């Protein structure tokens, strides 16, 4: 999104964080879904294909996590820092909703 438009709507740099967080949550859901599908697959060939997709989903999750950590959006090893990030994001969302 154009920086001017982001500033006009009060989002600033939050857009990348929101997109990355949504992508990370979707990747996690995909991983869960693949693991369930593997247990339900009827043929060995299908299980093989699903395992390949699962490995790709895990790699995607790792890449998103690394990106978010490098940007300071995600602190999986420091709960107090992550809490601050989450509180800031929730306050921003609340402020946007009130405008």
C-alpha atoms as a PDB file:
ATOM      1  CA  UNK A   1       0.000   0.000   0.000  1.00  0.00           C
ATOM      2  CA  UNK A   2       1.200   3.495  -0.771  1.00  0.00           C
ATOM      3  CA  UNK A   3       2.798   5.131   2.307  1.00  0.00           C
ATOM      4  CA  UNK A   4       0.687   8.281   1.832  1.00  0.00           C
ATOM      5  CA  UNK A   5      -2.529   6.262   1.870  1.00  0.00           C
ATOM      6  CA  UNK A   6      -1.350   4.246   4.889  1.00  0.00           C
ATOM      7  CA  UNK A   7      -0.704   7.449   6.815  1.00  0.00           C
ATOM      8  CA  UNK A   8      -4.073   8.895   5.760  1.00  0.00           C
ATOM      9  CA  UNK A   9      -5.985   5.932   7.165  1.00  0.00           C
ATOM     10  CA  UNK A  10      -3.797   5.757  10.276  1.00  0.00           C
ATOM     11  CA  UNK A  11      -2.197   2.414   9.529  1.00  0.00           C
ATOM     12  CA  UNK A  12       1.407   3.539   9.096  1.00  0.00           C
ATOM     13  CA  UNK A  13       3.728   0.513   9.053  1.00  0.00           C
ATOM     14  CA  UNK A  14       1.135  -1.871  10.498  1.00  0.00           C
ATOM     15  CA  UNK A  15       0.070  -3.168   7.086  1.00  0.00           C
ATOM     16  CA  UNK A  16       3.061  -5.487   6.616  1.00  0.00           C
ATOM     17  CA  UNK A  17       2.670  -6.827  10.143  1.00  0.00           C
ATOM     18  CA  UNK A  18      -1.023  -7.533   9.643  1.00  0.00           C
ATOM     19  CA  UNK A  19      -0.447  -9.276   6.332  1.00  0.00           C
ATOM     20  CA  UNK A  20       2.453 -11.332   7.713  1.00  0.00           C
ATOM     21  CA  UNK A  21       0.464 -12.324  10.803  1.00  0.00           C
ATOM     22  CA  UNK A  22      -2.505 -13.397   8.693  1.00  0.00           C
ATOM     23  CA  UNK A  23      -0.188 -15.348   6.388  1.00  0.00           C
ATOM     24  CA  UNK A  24       1.461 -17.060   9.377  1.00  0.00           C
ATOM     25  CA  UNK A  25      -1.922 -18.055  10.826  1.00  0.00           C
ATOM     26  CA  UNK A  26      -3.010 -19.415   7.440  1.00  0.00           C
ATOM     27  CA  UNK A  27       0.220 -21.400   7.117  1.00  0.00           C
ATOM     28  CA  UNK A  28      -0.362 -22.922  10.567  1.00  0.00           C
ATOM     29  CA  UNK A  29      -3.913 -23.872   9.601  1.00  0.00           C
ATOM     30  CA  UNK A  30      -2.620 -25.434   6.379  1.00  0.00           C
ATOM     31  CA  UNK A  31      -0.103 -27.519   8.303  1.00  0.00           C
ATOM     32  CA  UNK A  32      -2.845 -28.797  10.605  1.00  0.00           C
ATOM     33  CA  UNK A  33      -5.074 -29.582   7.639  1.00  0.00           C
ATOM     34  CA  UNK A  34      -2.337 -31.484   5.810  1.00  0.00           C
ATOM     35  CA  UNK A  35      -1.578 -33.599   8.868  1.00  0.00           C
ATOM     36  CA  UNK A  36      -5.239 -34.495   9.231  1.00  0.00           C
ATOM     37  CA  UNK A  37      -5.522 -35.251   5.514  1.00  0.00           C
ATOM     38  CA  UNK A  38      -2.508 -37.575   5.686  1.00  0.00           C
ATOM     39  CA  UNK A  39      -4.218 -39.642   8.381  1.00  0.00           C
ATOM     40  CA  UNK A  40      -7.359 -39.862   6.248  1.00  0.00           C
ATOM     41  CA  UNK A  41      -5.685 -40.576   2.889  1.00  0.00           C
ATOM     42  CA  UNK A  42      -6.769 -43.804   1.255  1.00  0.00           C
ATOM     43  CA  UNK A  43      -3.669 -44.614  -0.792  1.00  0.00           C
ATOM     44  CA  UNK A  44       0.096 -44.528  -0.224  1.00  0.00           C
ATOM     45  CA  UNK A  45       0.490 -42.342  -3.317  1.00  0.00           C
ATOM     46  CA  UNK A  46      -1.875 -39.739  -1.929  1.00  0.00           C
ATOM     47  CA  UNK A  47      -0.098 -39.781   1.437  1.00  0.00           C
ATOM     48  CA  UNK A  48       3.211 -39.188  -0.366  1.00  0.00           C
ATOM     49  CA  UNK A  49       1.819 -36.168  -2.212  1.00  0.00           C
ATOM     50  CA  UNK A  50       0.284 -34.790   0.984  1.00  0.00           C
ATOM     51  CA  UNK A  51       3.585 -35.217   2.845  1.00  0.00           C
ATOM     52  CA  UNK A  52       5.350 -33.245   0.100  1.00  0.00           C
ATOM     53  CA  UNK A  53       2.778 -30.468   0.458  1.00  0.00           C
ATOM     54  CA  UNK A  54       3.143 -30.609   4.248  1.00  0.00           C
ATOM     55  CA  UNK A  55       6.917 -30.147   3.963  1.00  0.00           C
ATOM     56  CA  UNK A  56       6.378 -27.139   1.682  1.00  0.00           C
ATOM     57  CA  UNK A  57       3.872 -25.668   4.156  1.00  0.00           C
ATOM     58  CA  UNK A  58       6.333 -26.135   7.035  1.00  0.00           C
ATOM     59  CA  UNK A  59       9.057 -24.378   5.022  1.00  0.00           C
ATOM     60  CA  UNK A  60       6.651 -21.536   4.234  1.00  0.00           C
ATOM     61  CA  UNK A  61       5.805 -21.231   7.940  1.00  0.00           C
ATOM     62  CA  UNK A  62       9.520 -21.087   8.780  1.00  0.00           C
ATOM     63  CA  UNK A  63      10.138 -18.389   6.176  1.00  0.00           C
ATOM     64  CA  UNK A  64       7.244 -16.261   7.409  1.00  0.00           C
ATOM     65  CA  UNK A  65       8.356 -16.695  11.026  1.00  0.00           C
ATOM     66  CA  UNK A  66      11.922 -15.676  10.170  1.00  0.00           C
ATOM     67  CA  UNK A  67      10.654 -12.634   8.251  1.00  0.00           C
ATOM     68  CA  UNK A  68       8.425 -11.558  11.126  1.00  0.00           C
ATOM     69  CA  UNK A  69      11.215 -12.013  13.660  1.00  0.00           C
ATOM     70  CA  UNK A  70      13.646  -9.990  11.524  1.00  0.00           C
ATOM     71  CA  UNK A  71      11.116  -7.137  11.335  1.00  0.00           C
ATOM     72  CA  UNK A  72      10.355  -7.245  15.060  1.00  0.00           C
ATOM     73  CA  UNK A  73       6.739  -8.352  14.504  1.00  0.00           C
ATOM     74  CA  UNK A  74       7.109 -11.701  16.246  1.00  0.00           C
ATOM     75  CA  UNK A  75       9.022 -12.685  19.394  1.00  0.00           C
ATOM     76  CA  UNK A  76       8.355 -16.389  19.994  1.00  0.00           C
ATOM     77  CA  UNK A  77      11.147 -16.686  22.560  1.00  0.00           C
ATOM     78  CA  UNK A  78      10.351 -13.570  24.578  1.00  0.00           C
ATOM     79  CA  UNK A  79       6.821 -13.425  25.942  1.00  0.00           C
ATOM     80  CA  UNK A  80       7.086  -9.906  27.374  1.00  0.00           C
ATOM     81  CA  UNK A  81       8.270  -8.473  24.036  1.00  0.00           C
ATOM     82  CA  UNK A  82       5.539 -10.351  22.171  1.00  0.00           C
ATOM     83  CA  UNK A  83       2.960  -9.053  24.623  1.00  0.00           C
ATOM     84  CA  UNK A  84       4.062  -5.480  23.891  1.00  0.00           C
ATOM     85  CA  UNK A  85       3.789  -6.067  20.135  1.00  0.00           C
ATOM     86  CA  UNK A  86       0.319  -7.583  20.571  1.00  0.00           C
ATOM     87  CA  UNK A  87      -0.854  -4.769  22.855  1.00  0.00           C
ATOM     88  CA  UNK A  88       0.353  -2.135  20.400  1.00  0.00           C
ATOM     89  CA  UNK A  89      -1.385  -3.895  17.511  1.00  0.00           C
ATOM     90  CA  UNK A  90      -4.635  -4.249  19.452  1.00  0.00           C
ATOM     91  CA  UNK A  91      -4.530  -0.597  20.533  1.00  0.00           C
ATOM     92  CA  UNK A  92      -3.989   0.474  16.928  1.00  0.00           C
ATOM     93  CA  UNK A  93      -6.919  -1.661  15.797  1.00  0.00           C
ATOM     94  CA  UNK A  94      -9.103  -0.209  18.551  1.00  0.00           C
ATOM     95  CA  UNK A  95      -8.133   3.338  17.595  1.00  0.00           C
ATOM     96  CA  UNK A  96      -8.911   2.662  13.934  1.00  0.00           C
ATOM     97  CA  UNK A  97     -12.321   1.250  14.841  1.00  0.00           C
ATOM     98  CA  UNK A  98     -13.173   4.351  16.877  1.00  0.00           C
ATOM     99  CA  UNK A  99     -12.339   6.791  14.064  1.00  0.00           C
END
